[in-house]
Every structure is written in C-alpha cells, then in structure tokens.
Amino acid sequence: MITKTVRSRFPHEVGEKVEGCVILERRVVIPPNPAEMRRGVYEYVVEVPPAPAPAPKSRSPRPPSQPAREPAPAQESFTRATPEEMGGRLIRRLPSR
C-alpha cells in the first residue's frame, strides 16, 4: 500500500475520498476560527491507488499487401536573406520615449 500526505482547507472524515484517494488518517494543522471566519488547515494521510501498468507495445509485422514507405527526402538547409537579397531595405529601431 502506497500512502501520501495531502493538505486541504476543507474538513473531511476518515474513509472519504480526497483527490481520488481514500483518507486513512486526519490531523488538524491549524484549527478553524469561526469568529474570524477563517477555515482550518487539515493534513490527511491517504492511500494512493496503484497506477495501472502500461500496456506492453507489441510490434505486429506489416501486412504484405502494404508496401514499405520510402524514407522522406532530406530537407534543404535554410538561411536568412541578406540585406542585399531583400532589396536594400533597412529596418531602424526607434528608441523608447
């Protein structure tokens, strides 16, 4: 059984579910103060359900009716245009006021 600690500002009882986990223990960290309309802070020890095991990936052979794909052609490299290639336009940045 795997457990973890969860803090909450909401009061729950042992046996309820919080964040999808069953509460095993409850501890009051900061008691509520109704005069100041302040909620309390509670710490719960919860049982974490076991995570489902990932399904093993099975590689099935390709059906003979489908031909194998050819590899994609290599992409050409790309470089930015020089000012001469852009027609000599100059971009100027204005200072902020």
PDB file of N, CA and C in Angstrom:
ATOM      1  N   MET A   1       0.841  -1.176   0.000  1.00  0.00           N
ATOM      2  CA  MET A   1       0.000   0.000   0.000  1.00  0.00           C
ATOM      3  C   MET A   1       0.889   1.241   0.000  1.00  0.00           C
ATOM      4  N   ILE A   2       0.604   2.150  -0.917  1.00  0.00           N
ATOM      5  CA  ILE A   2       1.370   3.394  -1.017  1.00  0.00           C
ATOM      6  C   ILE A   2       0.518   4.510  -0.414  1.00  0.00           C
ATOM      7  N   THR A   3       1.141   5.341   0.426  1.00  0.00           N
ATOM      8  CA  THR A   3       0.419   6.460   1.028  1.00  0.00           C
ATOM      9  C   THR A   3       1.126   7.757   0.693  1.00  0.00           C
ATOM     10  N   LYS A   4       0.357   8.849   0.786  1.00  0.00           N
ATOM     11  CA  LYS A   4       0.944  10.170   0.641  1.00  0.00           C
ATOM     12  C   LYS A   4       0.178  11.118   1.544  1.00  0.00           C
ATOM     13  N   THR A   5       0.747  12.289   1.814  1.00  0.00           N
ATOM     14  CA  THR A   5       0.127  13.279   2.670  1.00  0.00           C
ATOM     15  C   THR A   5      -0.436  14.389   1.804  1.00  0.00           C
ATOM     16  N   VAL A   6      -1.686  14.774   2.095  1.00  0.00           N
ATOM     17  CA  VAL A   6      -2.366  15.817   1.342  1.00  0.00           C
ATOM     18  C   VAL A   6      -2.837  16.872   2.331  1.00  0.00           C
ATOM     19  N   ARG A   7      -2.590  18.161   2.019  1.00  0.00           N
ATOM     20  CA  ARG A   7      -3.102  19.250   2.848  1.00  0.00           C
ATOM     21  C   ARG A   7      -4.323  19.837   2.180  1.00  0.00           C
ATOM     22  N   SER A   8      -5.299  20.206   3.008  1.00  0.00           N
ATOM     23  CA  SER A   8      -6.525  20.765   2.470  1.00  0.00           C
ATOM     24  C   SER A   8      -7.098  21.764   3.461  1.00  0.00           C
ATOM     25  N   ARG A   9      -7.848  22.738   2.955  1.00  0.00           N
ATOM     26  CA  ARG A   9      -8.536  23.705   3.817  1.00  0.00           C
ATOM     27  C   ARG A   9      -9.978  23.281   4.069  1.00  0.00           C
ATOM     28  N   PHE A  10     -10.338  22.113   3.569  1.00  0.00           N
ATOM     29  CA  PHE A  10     -11.699  21.626   3.733  1.00  0.00           C
ATOM     30  C   PHE A  10     -11.708  20.440   4.683  1.00  0.00           C
ATOM     31  N   PRO A  11     -12.678  20.403   5.609  1.00  0.00           N
ATOM     32  CA  PRO A  11     -12.740  19.280   6.561  1.00  0.00           C
ATOM     33  C   PRO A  11     -13.346  18.041   5.906  1.00  0.00           C
ATOM     34  N   HIS A  12     -12.649  16.927   5.995  1.00  0.00           N
ATOM     35  CA  HIS A  12     -13.125  15.630   5.513  1.00  0.00           C
ATOM     36  C   HIS A  12     -12.957  14.632   6.646  1.00  0.00           C
ATOM     37  N   GLU A  13     -13.646  13.529   6.554  1.00  0.00           N
ATOM     38  CA  GLU A  13     -13.572  12.496   7.581  1.00  0.00           C
ATOM     39  C   GLU A  13     -12.795  11.293   7.050  1.00  0.00           C
ATOM     40  N   VAL A  14     -12.308  10.454   7.973  1.00  0.00           N
ATOM     41  CA  VAL A  14     -11.589   9.233   7.601  1.00  0.00           C
ATOM     42  C   VAL A  14     -12.548   8.343   6.813  1.00  0.00           C
ATOM     43  N   GLY A  15     -12.076   7.814   5.692  1.00  0.00           N
ATOM     44  CA  GLY A  15     -12.891   6.953   4.846  1.00  0.00           C
ATOM     45  C   GLY A  15     -13.408   7.673   3.605  1.00  0.00           C
ATOM     46  N   GLU A  16     -13.444   9.024   3.630  1.00  0.00           N
ATOM     47  CA  GLU A  16     -13.873   9.772   2.450  1.00  0.00           C
ATOM     48  C   GLU A  16     -12.763   9.770   1.413  1.00  0.00           C
ATOM     49  N   LYS A  17     -13.094  10.242   0.214  1.00  0.00           N
ATOM     50  CA  LYS A  17     -12.093  10.328  -0.847  1.00  0.00           C
ATOM     51  C   LYS A  17     -11.672  11.779  -1.061  1.00  0.00           C
ATOM     52  N   VAL A  18     -10.366  11.980  -1.185  1.00  0.00           N
ATOM     53  CA  VAL A  18      -9.782  13.282  -1.491  1.00  0.00           C
ATOM     54  C   VAL A  18      -8.814  13.058  -2.631  1.00  0.00           C
ATOM     55  N   GLU A  19      -8.959  13.821  -3.713  1.00  0.00           N
ATOM     56  CA  GLU A  19      -8.093  13.695  -4.889  1.00  0.00           C
ATOM     57  C   GLU A  19      -8.060  12.260  -5.407  1.00  0.00           C
ATOM     58  N   GLY A  20      -9.168  11.547  -5.295  1.00  0.00           N
ATOM     59  CA  GLY A  20      -9.239  10.180  -5.792  1.00  0.00           C
ATOM     60  C   GLY A  20      -8.595   9.149  -4.886  1.00  0.00           C
ATOM     61  N   CYS A  21      -8.206   9.549  -3.667  1.00  0.00           N
ATOM     62  CA  CYS A  21      -7.553   8.644  -2.719  1.00  0.00           C
ATOM     63  C   CYS A  21      -8.401   8.552  -1.446  1.00  0.00           C
ATOM     64  N   VAL A  22      -8.343   7.409  -0.765  1.00  0.00           N
ATOM     65  CA  VAL A  22      -9.114   7.191   0.455  1.00  0.00           C
ATOM     66  C   VAL A  22      -8.323   7.708   1.652  1.00  0.00           C
ATOM     67  N   ILE A  23      -9.001   8.482   2.526  1.00  0.00           N
ATOM     68  CA  ILE A  23      -8.353   9.055   3.711  1.00  0.00           C
ATOM     69  C   ILE A  23      -8.163   7.964   4.762  1.00  0.00           C
ATOM     70  N   LEU A  24      -6.930   7.836   5.257  1.00  0.00           N
ATOM     71  CA  LEU A  24      -6.608   6.871   6.312  1.00  0.00           C
ATOM     72  C   LEU A  24      -6.489   7.554   7.670  1.00  0.00           C
ATOM     73  N   GLU A  25      -5.874   8.749   7.687  1.00  0.00           N
ATOM     74  CA  GLU A  25      -5.682   9.493   8.933  1.00  0.00           C
ATOM     75  C   GLU A  25      -5.970  10.961   8.681  1.00  0.00           C
ATOM     76  N   ARG A  26      -6.379  11.659   9.754  1.00  0.00           N
ATOM     77  CA  ARG A  26      -6.659  13.091   9.653  1.00  0.00           C
ATOM     78  C   ARG A  26      -5.962  13.795  10.802  1.00  0.00           C
ATOM     79  N   ARG A  27      -5.335  14.938  10.507  1.00  0.00           N
ATOM     80  CA  ARG A  27      -4.661  15.726  11.537  1.00  0.00           C
ATOM     81  C   ARG A  27      -4.987  17.197  11.289  1.00  0.00           C
ATOM     82  N   VAL A  28      -5.319  17.934  12.347  1.00  0.00           N
ATOM     83  CA  VAL A  28      -5.617  19.363  12.233  1.00  0.00           C
ATOM     84  C   VAL A  28      -4.306  20.119  12.383  1.00  0.00           C
ATOM     85  N   VAL A  29      -3.915  20.850  11.353  1.00  0.00           N
ATOM     86  CA  VAL A  29      -2.677  21.631  11.387  1.00  0.00           C
ATOM     87  C   VAL A  29      -2.971  22.995  12.010  1.00  0.00           C
ATOM     88  N   ILE A  30      -4.002  23.688  11.511  1.00  0.00           N
ATOM     89  CA  ILE A  30      -4.445  24.967  12.060  1.00  0.00           C
ATOM     90  C   ILE A  30      -5.944  24.838  12.306  1.00  0.00           C
ATOM     91  N   PRO A  31      -6.396  24.972  13.549  1.00  0.00           N
ATOM     92  CA  PRO A  31      -7.829  24.817  13.804  1.00  0.00           C
ATOM     93  C   PRO A  31      -8.629  25.970  13.179  1.00  0.00           C
ATOM     94  N   PRO A  32      -9.877  25.702  12.779  1.00  0.00           N
ATOM     95  CA  PRO A  32     -10.699  26.778  12.216  1.00  0.00           C
ATOM     96  C   PRO A  32     -11.090  27.782  13.300  1.00  0.00           C
ATOM     97  N   ASN A  33     -11.291  29.033  12.901  1.00  0.00           N
ATOM     98  CA  ASN A  33     -11.690  30.076  13.841  1.00  0.00           C
ATOM     99  C   ASN A  33     -12.935  30.756  13.283  1.00  0.00           C
ATOM    100  N   PRO A  34     -14.138  30.312  13.711  1.00  0.00           N
ATOM    101  CA  PRO A  34     -15.368  30.891  13.164  1.00  0.00           C
ATOM    102  C   PRO A  34     -15.522  32.375  13.467  1.00  0.00           C
ATOM    103  N   ALA A  35     -14.964  32.876  14.585  1.00  0.00           N
ATOM    104  CA  ALA A  35     -15.077  34.296  14.932  1.00  0.00           C
ATOM    105  C   ALA A  35     -14.398  35.167  13.876  1.00  0.00           C
ATOM    106  N   GLU A  36     -13.288  34.694  13.328  1.00  0.00           N
ATOM    107  CA  GLU A  36     -12.568  35.432  12.284  1.00  0.00           C
ATOM    108  C   GLU A  36     -12.946  34.963  10.888  1.00  0.00           C
ATOM    109  N   MET A  37     -13.920  34.022  10.813  1.00  0.00           N
ATOM    110  CA  MET A  37     -14.347  33.435   9.538  1.00  0.00           C
ATOM    111  C   MET A  37     -13.151  32.851   8.786  1.00  0.00           C
ATOM    112  N   ARG A  38     -12.302  32.145   9.524  1.00  0.00           N
ATOM    113  CA  ARG A  38     -11.106  31.543   8.939  1.00  0.00           C
ATOM    114  C   ARG A  38     -11.249  30.033   8.944  1.00  0.00           C
ATOM    115  N   ARG A  39     -10.998  29.434   7.815  1.00  0.00           N
ATOM    116  CA  ARG A  39     -11.031  27.974   7.726  1.00  0.00           C
ATOM    117  C   ARG A  39      -9.791  27.388   8.373  1.00  0.00           C
ATOM    118  N   GLY A  40      -9.882  26.140   8.717  1.00  0.00           N
ATOM    119  CA  GLY A  40      -8.732  25.455   9.270  1.00  0.00           C
ATOM    120  C   GLY A  40      -7.909  24.839   8.153  1.00  0.00           C
ATOM    121  N   VAL A  41      -6.764  24.298   8.534  1.00  0.00           N
ATOM    122  CA  VAL A  41      -5.909  23.577   7.589  1.00  0.00           C
ATOM    123  C   VAL A  41      -5.783  22.166   8.130  1.00  0.00           C
ATOM    124  N   TYR A  42      -6.052  21.206   7.258  1.00  0.00           N
ATOM    125  CA  TYR A  42      -6.058  19.803   7.643  1.00  0.00           C
ATOM    126  C   TYR A  42      -5.033  19.044   6.820  1.00  0.00           C
ATOM    127  N   GLU A  43      -4.439  18.040   7.449  1.00  0.00           N
ATOM    128  CA  GLU A  43      -3.470  17.194   6.769  1.00  0.00           C
ATOM    129  C   GLU A  43      -4.026  15.770   6.792  1.00  0.00           C
ATOM    130  N   TYR A  44      -4.077  15.158   5.620  1.00  0.00           N
ATOM    131  CA  TYR A  44      -4.639  13.817   5.503  1.00  0.00           C
ATOM    132  C   TYR A  44      -3.581  12.858   4.981  1.00  0.00           C
ATOM    133  N   VAL A  45      -3.509  11.676   5.596  1.00  0.00           N
ATOM    134  CA  VAL A  45      -2.696  10.590   5.050  1.00  0.00           C
ATOM    135  C   VAL A  45      -3.668   9.756   4.236  1.00  0.00           C
ATOM    136  N   VAL A  46      -3.398   9.629   2.942  1.00  0.00           N
ATOM    137  CA  VAL A  46      -4.323   8.937   2.048  1.00  0.00           C
ATOM    138  C   VAL A  46      -3.637   7.752   1.392  1.00  0.00           C
ATOM    139  N   GLU A  47      -4.459   6.767   1.033  1.00  0.00           N
ATOM    140  CA  GLU A  47      -3.957   5.589   0.324  1.00  0.00           C
ATOM    141  C   GLU A  47      -4.055   5.865  -1.162  1.00  0.00           C
ATOM    142  N   VAL A  48      -2.938   5.749  -1.846  1.00  0.00           N
ATOM    143  CA  VAL A  48      -2.890   6.006  -3.279  1.00  0.00           C
ATOM    144  C   VAL A  48      -3.204   4.716  -4.019  1.00  0.00           C
ATOM    145  N   PRO A  49      -4.191   4.759  -4.928  1.00  0.00           N
ATOM    146  CA  PRO A  49      -4.467   3.532  -5.689  1.00  0.00           C
ATOM    147  C   PRO A  49      -3.289   3.206  -6.599  1.00  0.00           C
ATOM    148  N   PRO A  50      -3.024   1.929  -6.823  1.00  0.00           N
ATOM    149  CA  PRO A  50      -1.885   1.579  -7.682  1.00  0.00           C
ATOM    150  C   PRO A  50      -2.115   2.087  -9.099  1.00  0.00           C
ATOM    151  N   ALA A  51      -1.054   2.602  -9.678  1.00  0.00           N
ATOM    152  CA  ALA A  51      -1.128   3.108 -11.052  1.00  0.00           C
ATOM    153  C   ALA A  51      -1.225   1.921 -12.007  1.00  0.00           C
ATOM    154  N   PRO A  52      -2.055   2.056 -13.034  1.00  0.00           N
ATOM    155  CA  PRO A  52      -2.149   0.947 -13.986  1.00  0.00           C
ATOM    156  C   PRO A  52      -0.828   0.762 -14.727  1.00  0.00           C
ATOM    157  N   ALA A  53      -0.450  -0.488 -14.890  1.00  0.00           N
ATOM    158  CA  ALA A  53       0.802  -0.778 -15.596  1.00  0.00           C
ATOM    159  C   ALA A  53       0.621  -0.450 -17.072  1.00  0.00           C
ATOM    160  N   PRO A  54       1.623   0.178 -17.681  1.00  0.00           N
ATOM    161  CA  PRO A  54       1.493   0.488 -19.099  1.00  0.00           C
ATOM    162  C   PRO A  54       1.433  -0.797 -19.920  1.00  0.00           C
ATOM    163  N   ALA A  55       0.573  -0.780 -20.903  1.00  0.00           N
ATOM    164  CA  ALA A  55       0.425  -1.959 -21.752  1.00  0.00           C
ATOM    165  C   ALA A  55       1.686  -2.123 -22.606  1.00  0.00           C
ATOM    166  N   PRO A  56       2.201  -3.330 -22.683  1.00  0.00           N
ATOM    167  CA  PRO A  56       3.403  -3.520 -23.500  1.00  0.00           C
ATOM    168  C   PRO A  56       3.057  -3.284 -24.971  1.00  0.00           C
ATOM    169  N   LYS A  57       3.933  -2.570 -25.634  1.00  0.00           N
ATOM    170  CA  LYS A  57       3.713  -2.287 -27.052  1.00  0.00           C
ATOM    171  C   LYS A  57       4.132  -3.508 -27.863  1.00  0.00           C
ATOM    172  N   SER A  58       3.200  -3.992 -28.619  1.00  0.00           N
ATOM    173  CA  SER A  58       3.530  -5.132 -29.456  1.00  0.00           C
ATOM    174  C   SER A  58       3.719  -4.637 -30.878  1.00  0.00           C
ATOM    175  N   ARG A  59       4.755  -5.071 -31.482  1.00  0.00           N
ATOM    176  CA  ARG A  59       5.040  -4.673 -32.854  1.00  0.00           C
ATOM    177  C   ARG A  59       4.551  -5.792 -33.757  1.00  0.00           C
ATOM    178  N   SER A  60       3.477  -5.502 -34.433  1.00  0.00           N
ATOM    179  CA  SER A  60       2.950  -6.509 -35.342  1.00  0.00           C
ATOM    180  C   SER A  60       3.618  -6.321 -36.708  1.00  0.00           C
ATOM    181  N   PRO A  61       3.882  -7.390 -37.383  1.00  0.00           N
ATOM    182  CA  PRO A  61       4.513  -7.251 -38.696  1.00  0.00           C
ATOM    183  C   PRO A  61       3.555  -6.564 -39.669  1.00  0.00           C
ATOM    184  N   ARG A  62       4.115  -5.833 -40.610  1.00  0.00           N
ATOM    185  CA  ARG A  62       3.325  -5.110 -41.594  1.00  0.00           C
ATOM    186  C   ARG A  62       2.668  -6.101 -42.537  1.00  0.00           C
ATOM    187  N   PRO A  63       1.387  -5.912 -42.805  1.00  0.00           N
ATOM    188  CA  PRO A  63       0.721  -6.819 -43.737  1.00  0.00           C
ATOM    189  C   PRO A  63       1.415  -6.772 -45.105  1.00  0.00           C
ATOM    190  N   PRO A  64       1.518  -7.897 -45.780  1.00  0.00           N
ATOM    191  CA  PRO A  64       2.241  -7.927 -47.056  1.00  0.00           C
ATOM    192  C   PRO A  64       1.562  -7.101 -48.151  1.00  0.00           C
ATOM    193  N   SER A  65       0.280  -6.764 -47.993  1.00  0.00           N
ATOM    194  CA  SER A  65      -0.404  -6.001 -49.032  1.00  0.00           C
ATOM    195  C   SER A  65       0.040  -4.542 -49.058  1.00  0.00           C
ATOM    196  N   GLN A  66       0.614  -4.033 -47.946  1.00  0.00           N
ATOM    197  CA  GLN A  66       1.056  -2.643 -47.915  1.00  0.00           C
ATOM    198  C   GLN A  66       2.554  -2.582 -48.160  1.00  0.00           C
ATOM    199  N   PRO A  67       2.987  -1.816 -49.167  1.00  0.00           N
ATOM    200  CA  PRO A  67       4.433  -1.694 -49.403  1.00  0.00           C
ATOM    201  C   PRO A  67       5.080  -0.831 -48.316  1.00  0.00           C
ATOM    202  N   ALA A  68       6.337  -1.068 -48.092  1.00  0.00           N
ATOM    203  CA  ALA A  68       7.076  -0.277 -47.112  1.00  0.00           C
ATOM    204  C   ALA A  68       7.231   1.139 -47.631  1.00  0.00           C
ATOM    205  N   ARG A  69       7.166   2.115 -46.706  1.00  0.00           N
ATOM    206  CA  ARG A  69       7.315   3.518 -47.102  1.00  0.00           C
ATOM    207  C   ARG A  69       8.776   3.843 -47.368  1.00  0.00           C
ATOM    208  N   GLU A  70       8.965   4.724 -48.347  1.00  0.00           N
ATOM    209  CA  GLU A  70      10.329   5.176 -48.630  1.00  0.00           C
ATOM    210  C   GLU A  70      10.684   6.249 -47.616  1.00  0.00           C
ATOM    211  N   PRO A  71      11.963   6.376 -47.267  1.00  0.00           N
ATOM    212  CA  PRO A  71      12.339   7.423 -46.310  1.00  0.00           C
ATOM    213  C   PRO A  71      12.110   8.804 -46.924  1.00  0.00           C
ATOM    214  N   ALA A  72      11.747   9.757 -46.065  1.00  0.00           N
ATOM    215  CA  ALA A  72      11.494  11.124 -46.532  1.00  0.00           C
ATOM    216  C   ALA A  72      12.795  11.742 -47.034  1.00  0.00           C
ATOM    217  N   PRO A  73      12.732  12.559 -48.089  1.00  0.00           N
ATOM    218  CA  PRO A  73      13.955  13.201 -48.579  1.00  0.00           C
ATOM    219  C   PRO A  73      14.480  14.193 -47.543  1.00  0.00           C
ATOM    220  N   ALA A  74      15.789  14.346 -47.507  1.00  0.00           N
ATOM    221  CA  ALA A  74      16.412  15.254 -46.560  1.00  0.00           C
ATOM    222  C   ALA A  74      16.006  16.686 -46.900  1.00  0.00           C
ATOM    223  N   GLN A  75      15.708  17.486 -45.861  1.00  0.00           N
ATOM    224  CA  GLN A  75      15.317  18.869 -46.092  1.00  0.00           C
ATOM    225  C   GLN A  75      16.550  19.714 -46.375  1.00  0.00           C
ATOM    226  N   GLU A  76      16.354  20.722 -47.211  1.00  0.00           N
ATOM    227  CA  GLU A  76      17.455  21.619 -47.521  1.00  0.00           C
ATOM    228  C   GLU A  76      17.668  22.548 -46.336  1.00  0.00           C
ATOM    229  N   SER A  77      18.898  23.010 -46.177  1.00  0.00           N
ATOM    230  CA  SER A  77      19.158  23.943 -45.087  1.00  0.00           C
ATOM    231  C   SER A  77      18.598  25.310 -45.469  1.00  0.00           C
ATOM    232  N   PHE A  78      18.304  26.107 -44.469  1.00  0.00           N
ATOM    233  CA  PHE A  78      17.688  27.404 -44.694  1.00  0.00           C
ATOM    234  C   PHE A  78      18.505  28.463 -43.988  1.00  0.00           C
ATOM    235  N   THR A  79      18.793  29.556 -44.695  1.00  0.00           N
ATOM    236  CA  THR A  79      19.492  30.684 -44.083  1.00  0.00           C
ATOM    237  C   THR A  79      18.674  31.937 -44.329  1.00  0.00           C
ATOM    238  N   ARG A  80      18.838  32.927 -43.507  1.00  0.00           N
ATOM    239  CA  ARG A  80      18.105  34.172 -43.647  1.00  0.00           C
ATOM    240  C   ARG A  80      18.655  34.968 -44.823  1.00  0.00           C
ATOM    241  N   ALA A  81      17.797  35.786 -45.394  1.00  0.00           N
ATOM    242  CA  ALA A  81      18.199  36.626 -46.528  1.00  0.00           C
ATOM    243  C   ALA A  81      19.084  37.763 -46.033  1.00  0.00           C
ATOM    244  N   THR A  82      20.065  38.105 -46.826  1.00  0.00           N
ATOM    245  CA  THR A  82      20.941  39.233 -46.505  1.00  0.00           C
ATOM    246  C   THR A  82      20.233  40.522 -46.907  1.00  0.00           C
ATOM    247  N   PRO A  83      20.682  41.688 -46.413  1.00  0.00           N
ATOM    248  CA  PRO A  83      20.048  42.952 -46.802  1.00  0.00           C
ATOM    249  C   PRO A  83      20.064  43.177 -48.319  1.00  0.00           C
ATOM    250  N   GLU A  84      21.129  42.711 -48.993  1.00  0.00           N
ATOM    251  CA  GLU A  84      21.202  42.881 -50.440  1.00  0.00           C
ATOM    252  C   GLU A  84      20.114  42.043 -51.122  1.00  0.00           C
ATOM    253  N   GLU A  85      19.889  40.839 -50.628  1.00  0.00           N
ATOM    254  CA  GLU A  85      18.868  39.983 -51.201  1.00  0.00           C
ATOM    255  C   GLU A  85      17.460  40.521 -50.937  1.00  0.00           C
ATOM    256  N   MET A  86      17.297  41.284 -49.857  1.00  0.00           N
ATOM    257  CA  MET A  86      15.991  41.831 -49.524  1.00  0.00           C
ATOM    258  C   MET A  86      15.702  43.123 -50.286  1.00  0.00           C
ATOM    259  N   GLY A  87      16.608  43.607 -51.075  1.00  0.00           N
ATOM    260  CA  GLY A  87      16.376  44.827 -51.841  1.00  0.00           C
ATOM    261  C   GLY A  87      16.941  46.058 -51.174  1.00  0.00           C
ATOM    262  N   GLY A  88      17.802  45.881 -50.216  1.00  0.00           N
ATOM    263  CA  GLY A  88      18.454  47.029 -49.608  1.00  0.00           C
ATOM    264  C   GLY A  88      17.595  47.756 -48.580  1.00  0.00           C
ATOM    265  N   ARG A  89      16.454  47.221 -48.219  1.00  0.00           N
ATOM    266  CA  ARG A  89      15.630  47.892 -47.205  1.00  0.00           C
ATOM    267  C   ARG A  89      16.342  47.826 -45.863  1.00  0.00           C
ATOM    268  N   LEU A  90      16.250  48.910 -45.113  1.00  0.00           N
ATOM    269  CA  LEU A  90      16.891  48.978 -43.810  1.00  0.00           C
ATOM    270  C   LEU A  90      15.805  49.157 -42.764  1.00  0.00           C
ATOM    271  N   ILE A  91      15.846  48.355 -41.745  1.00  0.00           N
ATOM    272  CA  ILE A  91      14.871  48.467 -40.661  1.00  0.00           C
ATOM    273  C   ILE A  91      15.546  49.172 -39.506  1.00  0.00           C
ATOM    274  N   ARG A  92      14.951  50.288 -39.085  1.00  0.00           N
ATOM    275  CA  ARG A  92      15.529  51.043 -37.980  1.00  0.00           C
ATOM    276  C   ARG A  92      14.641  50.939 -36.768  1.00  0.00           C
ATOM    277  N   ARG A  93      15.236  50.796 -35.628  1.00  0.00           N
ATOM    278  CA  ARG A  93      14.514  50.727 -34.382  1.00  0.00           C
ATOM    279  C   ARG A  93      14.528  52.117 -33.732  1.00  0.00           C
ATOM    280  N   LEU A  94      13.364  52.597 -33.306  1.00  0.00           N
ATOM    281  CA  LEU A  94      13.278  53.891 -32.657  1.00  0.00           C
ATOM    282  C   LEU A  94      13.439  53.710 -31.156  1.00  0.00           C
ATOM    283  N   PRO A  95      14.196  54.597 -30.512  1.00  0.00           N
ATOM    284  CA  PRO A  95      14.349  54.469 -29.062  1.00  0.00           C
ATOM    285  C   PRO A  95      13.020  54.779 -28.361  1.00  0.00           C
ATOM    286  N   SER A  96      12.823  54.193 -27.191  1.00  0.00           N
ATOM    287  CA  SER A  96      11.602  54.472 -26.437  1.00  0.00           C
ATOM    288  C   SER A  96      11.661  55.884 -25.860  1.00  0.00           C
ATOM    289  N   ARG A  97      10.512  56.464 -25.656  1.00  0.00           N
ATOM    290  CA  ARG A  97      10.477  57.866 -25.160  1.00  0.00           C
ATOM    291  C   ARG A  97      10.724  57.948 -23.691  1.00  0.00           C
TER     292      ARG A  97
END
